[in-house]
Amino acid sequence: MHLHFDRAQDGDGVYAEAHLSSNYQGWRGIAHGGIVMALLDEAMAHAAGFAGHRGVTASVNVRFRHPVPLEAPIVIRGRVTWQRRSVLGVEGDIYDAEHNLLAHGEGSFVSRGRLEAVEDRRNPLTRSADDR
């Protein structure tokens, strides 16, 4: 999705700001549900990366609360909520410009090892300037 995630200012996970173009339309003027799910998955993956893990999605549950608008600012947040051995609990949220919650996702990721051991675009330690 070519989003740039940074550590959240409150220290709780990561965030990215975006404007979705009409290319991502489902019904008129709103984002397709699959795109919303992809945004949440990206946020959760980046949260795992910022926590030092490279991993893969094991499961995701999404709650669509309000339509995600096109051509309007949105904020996507992700965070790690727990870890048991190699499994991470992750959450993601999408907000509109007025801070209304539009969609929420919860999931689990399976860690494939520490991120510092691999050069990856999600690794904040090894990303090139072009990836930021």
N, C-alpha and C. Protein backbone atom coordinates (compact mmCIF):
# COMPACT_ATOMS: atom_id res chain seq x y z
N MET A 1 0.82 -1.20 0.00
CA MET A 1 0.00 0.00 0.00
C MET A 1 0.87 1.26 0.00
N HIS A 2 2.18 1.10 0.07
CA HIS A 2 3.12 2.22 0.01
C HIS A 2 2.87 3.26 1.10
N LEU A 3 2.56 2.80 2.29
CA LEU A 3 2.36 3.70 3.42
C LEU A 3 3.66 3.84 4.19
N HIS A 4 3.85 4.98 4.81
CA HIS A 4 5.02 5.21 5.66
C HIS A 4 4.55 5.24 7.11
N PHE A 5 4.97 4.26 7.88
CA PHE A 5 4.60 4.19 9.29
C PHE A 5 5.73 4.73 10.15
N ASP A 6 5.35 5.46 11.17
CA ASP A 6 6.27 5.96 12.19
C ASP A 6 5.80 5.49 13.55
N ARG A 7 6.71 5.56 14.51
CA ARG A 7 6.32 5.26 15.89
C ARG A 7 5.30 6.30 16.33
N ALA A 8 4.23 5.85 16.97
CA ALA A 8 3.18 6.75 17.43
C ALA A 8 3.73 7.70 18.48
N GLN A 9 3.27 8.93 18.46
CA GLN A 9 3.76 9.95 19.38
C GLN A 9 3.50 9.59 20.83
N ASP A 10 2.42 8.84 21.09
CA ASP A 10 2.13 8.43 22.46
C ASP A 10 2.91 7.18 22.86
N GLY A 11 3.75 6.66 21.95
CA GLY A 11 4.58 5.50 22.23
C GLY A 11 3.84 4.17 22.12
N ASP A 12 2.56 4.20 21.75
CA ASP A 12 1.76 2.99 21.65
C ASP A 12 1.65 2.55 20.20
N GLY A 13 2.65 1.86 19.70
CA GLY A 13 2.60 1.32 18.35
C GLY A 13 3.05 2.28 17.28
N VAL A 14 2.40 2.16 16.11
CA VAL A 14 2.79 2.92 14.92
C VAL A 14 1.57 3.60 14.31
N TYR A 15 1.84 4.57 13.42
CA TYR A 15 0.74 5.24 12.71
C TYR A 15 1.21 5.67 11.33
N ALA A 16 0.25 5.85 10.46
CA ALA A 16 0.49 6.40 9.13
C ALA A 16 -0.71 7.26 8.77
N GLU A 17 -0.46 8.28 7.98
CA GLU A 17 -1.53 9.12 7.46
C GLU A 17 -1.68 8.82 5.97
N ALA A 18 -2.92 8.86 5.50
CA ALA A 18 -3.15 8.51 4.09
C ALA A 18 -4.37 9.24 3.55
N HIS A 19 -4.43 9.31 2.23
CA HIS A 19 -5.59 9.73 1.45
C HIS A 19 -5.80 8.60 0.44
N LEU A 20 -6.91 7.94 0.47
CA LEU A 20 -7.16 6.88 -0.51
C LEU A 20 -7.78 7.47 -1.76
N SER A 21 -7.23 7.09 -2.90
CA SER A 21 -7.78 7.57 -4.18
C SER A 21 -9.00 6.75 -4.57
N SER A 22 -9.67 7.20 -5.60
CA SER A 22 -10.87 6.51 -6.09
C SER A 22 -10.54 5.12 -6.65
N ASN A 23 -9.26 4.84 -6.88
CA ASN A 23 -8.87 3.49 -7.33
C ASN A 23 -9.26 2.43 -6.32
N TYR A 24 -9.45 2.81 -5.07
CA TYR A 24 -9.74 1.87 -3.99
C TYR A 24 -11.23 1.83 -3.64
N GLN A 25 -12.06 2.33 -4.53
CA GLN A 25 -13.49 2.43 -4.27
C GLN A 25 -14.17 1.07 -4.25
N GLY A 26 -15.09 0.91 -3.31
CA GLY A 26 -16.02 -0.21 -3.29
C GLY A 26 -17.33 0.35 -3.79
N TRP A 27 -18.21 0.76 -2.87
CA TRP A 27 -19.40 1.52 -3.23
C TRP A 27 -18.99 2.96 -3.44
N ARG A 28 -19.83 3.73 -4.07
CA ARG A 28 -19.50 5.11 -4.44
C ARG A 28 -19.01 5.90 -3.23
N GLY A 29 -17.80 6.43 -3.36
CA GLY A 29 -17.23 7.33 -2.37
C GLY A 29 -16.62 6.70 -1.14
N ILE A 30 -16.64 5.36 -1.06
CA ILE A 30 -16.05 4.71 0.12
C ILE A 30 -15.08 3.62 -0.32
N ALA A 31 -14.14 3.33 0.58
CA ALA A 31 -13.12 2.33 0.29
C ALA A 31 -13.71 0.92 0.31
N HIS A 32 -13.21 0.09 -0.56
CA HIS A 32 -13.59 -1.32 -0.61
C HIS A 32 -13.17 -1.98 0.70
N GLY A 33 -13.98 -2.88 1.21
CA GLY A 33 -13.68 -3.56 2.47
C GLY A 33 -12.36 -4.31 2.46
N GLY A 34 -12.00 -4.87 1.32
CA GLY A 34 -10.71 -5.58 1.22
C GLY A 34 -9.53 -4.63 1.38
N ILE A 35 -9.68 -3.41 0.89
CA ILE A 35 -8.64 -2.40 1.06
C ILE A 35 -8.54 -2.00 2.53
N VAL A 36 -9.67 -1.83 3.18
CA VAL A 36 -9.67 -1.51 4.61
C VAL A 36 -8.95 -2.61 5.40
N MET A 37 -9.25 -3.86 5.06
CA MET A 37 -8.58 -4.98 5.74
C MET A 37 -7.08 -4.96 5.46
N ALA A 38 -6.68 -4.64 4.23
CA ALA A 38 -5.26 -4.57 3.90
C ALA A 38 -4.56 -3.46 4.68
N LEU A 39 -5.22 -2.32 4.84
CA LEU A 39 -4.64 -1.23 5.63
C LEU A 39 -4.42 -1.65 7.08
N LEU A 40 -5.42 -2.33 7.65
CA LEU A 40 -5.27 -2.81 9.03
C LEU A 40 -4.16 -3.84 9.14
N ASP A 41 -4.07 -4.75 8.17
CA ASP A 41 -3.02 -5.76 8.18
C ASP A 41 -1.64 -5.11 8.08
N GLU A 42 -1.51 -4.09 7.23
CA GLU A 42 -0.24 -3.37 7.12
C GLU A 42 0.14 -2.71 8.44
N ALA A 43 -0.84 -2.08 9.09
CA ALA A 43 -0.56 -1.42 10.36
C ALA A 43 -0.11 -2.42 11.41
N MET A 44 -0.75 -3.56 11.45
CA MET A 44 -0.37 -4.58 12.43
C MET A 44 1.01 -5.16 12.12
N ALA A 45 1.30 -5.36 10.83
CA ALA A 45 2.62 -5.87 10.44
C ALA A 45 3.72 -4.87 10.80
N HIS A 46 3.48 -3.60 10.55
CA HIS A 46 4.48 -2.59 10.89
C HIS A 46 4.64 -2.46 12.40
N ALA A 47 3.56 -2.63 13.15
CA ALA A 47 3.67 -2.61 14.61
C ALA A 47 4.56 -3.75 15.07
N ALA A 48 4.39 -4.92 14.50
CA ALA A 48 5.26 -6.06 14.84
C ALA A 48 6.71 -5.74 14.47
N GLY A 49 6.90 -5.11 13.30
CA GLY A 49 8.26 -4.74 12.88
C GLY A 49 8.90 -3.75 13.83
N PHE A 50 8.16 -2.73 14.24
CA PHE A 50 8.71 -1.76 15.18
C PHE A 50 8.97 -2.38 16.54
N ALA A 51 8.27 -3.46 16.87
CA ALA A 51 8.51 -4.18 18.12
C ALA A 51 9.68 -5.16 17.96
N GLY A 52 10.24 -5.24 16.74
CA GLY A 52 11.43 -6.05 16.53
C GLY A 52 11.20 -7.42 15.93
N HIS A 53 10.00 -7.68 15.41
CA HIS A 53 9.69 -9.00 14.87
C HIS A 53 9.36 -8.93 13.40
N ARG A 54 9.82 -9.93 12.66
CA ARG A 54 9.34 -10.13 11.30
C ARG A 54 8.41 -11.32 11.38
N GLY A 55 7.27 -11.21 10.78
CA GLY A 55 6.31 -12.29 10.93
C GLY A 55 5.29 -12.32 9.83
N VAL A 56 4.37 -13.23 10.00
CA VAL A 56 3.29 -13.41 9.03
C VAL A 56 1.96 -13.40 9.76
N THR A 57 0.93 -12.99 9.05
CA THR A 57 -0.40 -12.94 9.62
C THR A 57 -0.93 -14.36 9.81
N ALA A 58 -1.41 -14.64 11.02
CA ALA A 58 -2.04 -15.93 11.30
C ALA A 58 -3.55 -15.80 11.26
N SER A 59 -4.07 -14.71 11.81
CA SER A 59 -5.52 -14.48 11.80
C SER A 59 -5.81 -13.00 11.94
N VAL A 60 -6.96 -12.59 11.39
CA VAL A 60 -7.41 -11.21 11.52
C VAL A 60 -8.94 -11.21 11.60
N ASN A 61 -9.47 -10.45 12.54
CA ASN A 61 -10.90 -10.19 12.63
C ASN A 61 -11.09 -8.69 12.51
N VAL A 62 -12.02 -8.27 11.66
CA VAL A 62 -12.23 -6.84 11.40
C VAL A 62 -13.66 -6.47 11.75
N ARG A 63 -13.78 -5.31 12.39
CA ARG A 63 -15.09 -4.73 12.70
C ARG A 63 -15.17 -3.41 11.94
N PHE A 64 -16.07 -3.33 10.96
CA PHE A 64 -16.30 -2.12 10.19
C PHE A 64 -17.33 -1.29 10.94
N ARG A 65 -16.93 -0.13 11.42
CA ARG A 65 -17.83 0.71 12.23
C ARG A 65 -18.51 1.79 11.39
N HIS A 66 -17.74 2.39 10.48
CA HIS A 66 -18.26 3.42 9.56
C HIS A 66 -17.50 3.28 8.25
N PRO A 67 -18.08 3.73 7.15
CA PRO A 67 -17.37 3.67 5.87
C PRO A 67 -16.07 4.48 5.92
N VAL A 68 -15.04 3.95 5.28
CA VAL A 68 -13.76 4.66 5.16
C VAL A 68 -13.84 5.51 3.90
N PRO A 69 -13.73 6.83 4.03
CA PRO A 69 -13.92 7.71 2.88
C PRO A 69 -12.74 7.69 1.92
N LEU A 70 -13.03 8.02 0.68
CA LEU A 70 -11.99 8.24 -0.32
C LEU A 70 -11.69 9.73 -0.41
N GLU A 71 -10.47 10.05 -0.87
CA GLU A 71 -10.08 11.45 -1.09
C GLU A 71 -10.24 12.30 0.17
N ALA A 72 -10.01 11.71 1.32
CA ALA A 72 -10.09 12.42 2.60
C ALA A 72 -8.99 11.88 3.50
N PRO A 73 -8.49 12.69 4.43
CA PRO A 73 -7.42 12.21 5.31
C PRO A 73 -7.91 11.13 6.28
N ILE A 74 -7.10 10.09 6.42
CA ILE A 74 -7.34 9.06 7.42
C ILE A 74 -6.04 8.78 8.15
N VAL A 75 -6.15 8.22 9.34
CA VAL A 75 -4.99 7.81 10.12
C VAL A 75 -5.14 6.32 10.41
N ILE A 76 -4.07 5.58 10.18
CA ILE A 76 -4.05 4.14 10.41
C ILE A 76 -3.06 3.88 11.54
N ARG A 77 -3.50 3.16 12.58
CA ARG A 77 -2.65 2.86 13.73
C ARG A 77 -2.55 1.36 13.94
N GLY A 78 -1.41 0.92 14.43
CA GLY A 78 -1.21 -0.49 14.76
C GLY A 78 -0.40 -0.62 16.03
N ARG A 79 -0.62 -1.70 16.78
CA ARG A 79 0.14 -1.93 18.01
C ARG A 79 0.17 -3.42 18.34
N VAL A 80 1.20 -3.80 19.04
CA VAL A 80 1.31 -5.16 19.58
C VAL A 80 0.70 -5.11 20.97
N THR A 81 -0.20 -6.05 21.26
CA THR A 81 -0.90 -6.04 22.54
C THR A 81 -0.41 -7.13 23.49
N TRP A 82 0.16 -8.20 22.94
CA TRP A 82 0.70 -9.26 23.79
C TRP A 82 1.63 -10.15 22.96
N GLN A 83 2.43 -10.95 23.68
CA GLN A 83 3.30 -11.91 23.02
C GLN A 83 3.38 -13.17 23.87
N ARG A 84 3.23 -14.31 23.23
CA ARG A 84 3.43 -15.62 23.86
C ARG A 84 4.30 -16.44 22.94
N ARG A 85 5.52 -16.69 23.39
CA ARG A 85 6.52 -17.38 22.57
C ARG A 85 6.66 -16.68 21.23
N SER A 86 6.31 -17.34 20.14
CA SER A 86 6.50 -16.74 18.81
C SER A 86 5.21 -16.15 18.24
N VAL A 87 4.17 -16.01 19.04
CA VAL A 87 2.91 -15.45 18.56
C VAL A 87 2.70 -14.08 19.18
N LEU A 88 2.35 -13.12 18.33
CA LEU A 88 2.09 -11.75 18.77
C LEU A 88 0.61 -11.45 18.60
N GLY A 89 0.01 -10.84 19.59
CA GLY A 89 -1.33 -10.28 19.45
C GLY A 89 -1.19 -8.87 18.93
N VAL A 90 -1.96 -8.52 17.91
CA VAL A 90 -1.85 -7.20 17.28
C VAL A 90 -3.24 -6.61 17.08
N GLU A 91 -3.28 -5.28 17.04
CA GLU A 91 -4.52 -4.56 16.77
C GLU A 91 -4.23 -3.43 15.80
N GLY A 92 -5.24 -3.05 15.04
CA GLY A 92 -5.13 -1.93 14.14
C GLY A 92 -6.43 -1.15 14.13
N ASP A 93 -6.32 0.15 13.88
CA ASP A 93 -7.49 1.03 13.83
C ASP A 93 -7.34 2.02 12.68
N ILE A 94 -8.46 2.42 12.12
CA ILE A 94 -8.48 3.48 11.12
C ILE A 94 -9.42 4.57 11.63
N TYR A 95 -8.93 5.82 11.59
CA TYR A 95 -9.69 6.98 12.07
C TYR A 95 -9.83 7.99 10.94
N ASP A 96 -10.91 8.77 11.01
CA ASP A 96 -11.05 9.89 10.08
C ASP A 96 -10.38 11.13 10.68
N ALA A 97 -10.48 12.25 9.98
CA ALA A 97 -9.81 13.48 10.41
C ALA A 97 -10.36 14.01 11.73
N GLU A 98 -11.58 13.63 12.08
CA GLU A 98 -12.17 14.08 13.35
C GLU A 98 -11.95 13.07 14.47
N HIS A 99 -11.07 12.09 14.24
CA HIS A 99 -10.70 11.07 15.22
C HIS A 99 -11.82 10.07 15.51
N ASN A 100 -12.77 9.93 14.59
CA ASN A 100 -13.80 8.92 14.72
C ASN A 100 -13.25 7.57 14.28
N LEU A 101 -13.49 6.53 15.06
CA LEU A 101 -13.05 5.19 14.70
C LEU A 101 -13.90 4.66 13.55
N LEU A 102 -13.24 4.29 12.45
CA LEU A 102 -13.93 3.80 11.27
C LEU A 102 -13.88 2.28 11.17
N ALA A 103 -12.74 1.70 11.53
CA ALA A 103 -12.58 0.24 11.45
C ALA A 103 -11.56 -0.19 12.49
N HIS A 104 -11.77 -1.39 13.03
CA HIS A 104 -10.87 -1.95 14.04
C HIS A 104 -10.56 -3.39 13.65
N GLY A 105 -9.30 -3.77 13.78
CA GLY A 105 -8.89 -5.14 13.51
C GLY A 105 -8.09 -5.70 14.67
N GLU A 106 -8.29 -6.97 14.94
CA GLU A 106 -7.50 -7.70 15.92
C GLU A 106 -6.97 -8.94 15.24
N GLY A 107 -5.77 -9.31 15.58
CA GLY A 107 -5.22 -10.50 14.94
C GLY A 107 -4.06 -11.07 15.69
N SER A 108 -3.48 -12.09 15.08
CA SER A 108 -2.27 -12.68 15.62
C SER A 108 -1.28 -12.85 14.48
N PHE A 109 -0.03 -12.63 14.82
CA PHE A 109 1.08 -12.80 13.89
C PHE A 109 2.00 -13.86 14.47
N VAL A 110 2.59 -14.65 13.59
CA VAL A 110 3.59 -15.60 14.01
C VAL A 110 4.95 -15.00 13.67
N SER A 111 5.77 -14.81 14.69
CA SER A 111 7.10 -14.25 14.48
C SER A 111 7.99 -15.27 13.79
N ARG A 112 8.70 -14.81 12.79
CA ARG A 112 9.68 -15.64 12.08
C ARG A 112 11.10 -15.25 12.48
N GLY A 113 11.22 -14.63 13.63
CA GLY A 113 12.53 -14.25 14.15
C GLY A 113 12.62 -12.75 14.39
N ARG A 114 13.73 -12.37 14.96
CA ARG A 114 13.98 -10.96 15.26
C ARG A 114 14.25 -10.22 13.96
N LEU A 115 13.70 -9.04 13.86
CA LEU A 115 13.81 -8.24 12.65
C LEU A 115 15.22 -7.75 12.40
N GLU A 116 15.99 -7.50 13.46
CA GLU A 116 17.34 -6.98 13.22
C GLU A 116 18.22 -7.98 12.50
N ALA A 117 17.77 -9.23 12.41
CA ALA A 117 18.55 -10.26 11.73
C ALA A 117 18.35 -10.25 10.22
N VAL A 118 17.48 -9.38 9.72
CA VAL A 118 17.18 -9.39 8.29
C VAL A 118 16.99 -7.95 7.81
N GLU A 119 17.40 -7.70 6.57
CA GLU A 119 17.14 -6.40 5.98
C GLU A 119 15.76 -6.45 5.33
N ASP A 120 14.88 -5.64 5.84
CA ASP A 120 13.49 -5.69 5.42
C ASP A 120 12.93 -4.27 5.39
N ARG A 121 11.98 -4.01 4.51
CA ARG A 121 11.42 -2.67 4.42
C ARG A 121 10.67 -2.27 5.68
N ARG A 122 10.24 -3.22 6.50
CA ARG A 122 9.54 -2.89 7.74
C ARG A 122 10.51 -2.65 8.89
N ASN A 123 11.78 -2.94 8.68
CA ASN A 123 12.76 -2.79 9.74
C ASN A 123 13.18 -1.32 9.82
N PRO A 124 12.79 -0.62 10.90
CA PRO A 124 13.13 0.80 11.00
C PRO A 124 14.63 1.03 11.11
N LEU A 125 15.40 -0.02 11.40
CA LEU A 125 16.85 0.12 11.51
C LEU A 125 17.56 0.03 10.18
N THR A 126 16.95 -0.63 9.18
CA THR A 126 17.64 -0.84 7.91
C THR A 126 16.94 -0.25 6.70
N ARG A 127 15.80 0.42 6.89
CA ARG A 127 15.09 1.01 5.75
C ARG A 127 15.94 2.06 5.08
N SER A 128 15.91 2.07 3.79
CA SER A 128 16.61 3.11 3.05
C SER A 128 15.74 4.36 3.01
N ALA A 129 16.33 5.46 2.64
CA ALA A 129 15.58 6.72 2.54
C ALA A 129 14.44 6.59 1.53
N ASP A 130 14.61 5.77 0.48
CA ASP A 130 13.55 5.58 -0.51
C ASP A 130 12.34 4.86 0.06
N ASP A 131 12.55 4.02 1.10
CA ASP A 131 11.46 3.26 1.71
C ASP A 131 10.68 4.09 2.73
N ARG A 132 11.23 5.22 3.16
CA ARG A 132 10.59 5.99 4.25
C ARG A 132 9.53 6.90 3.75
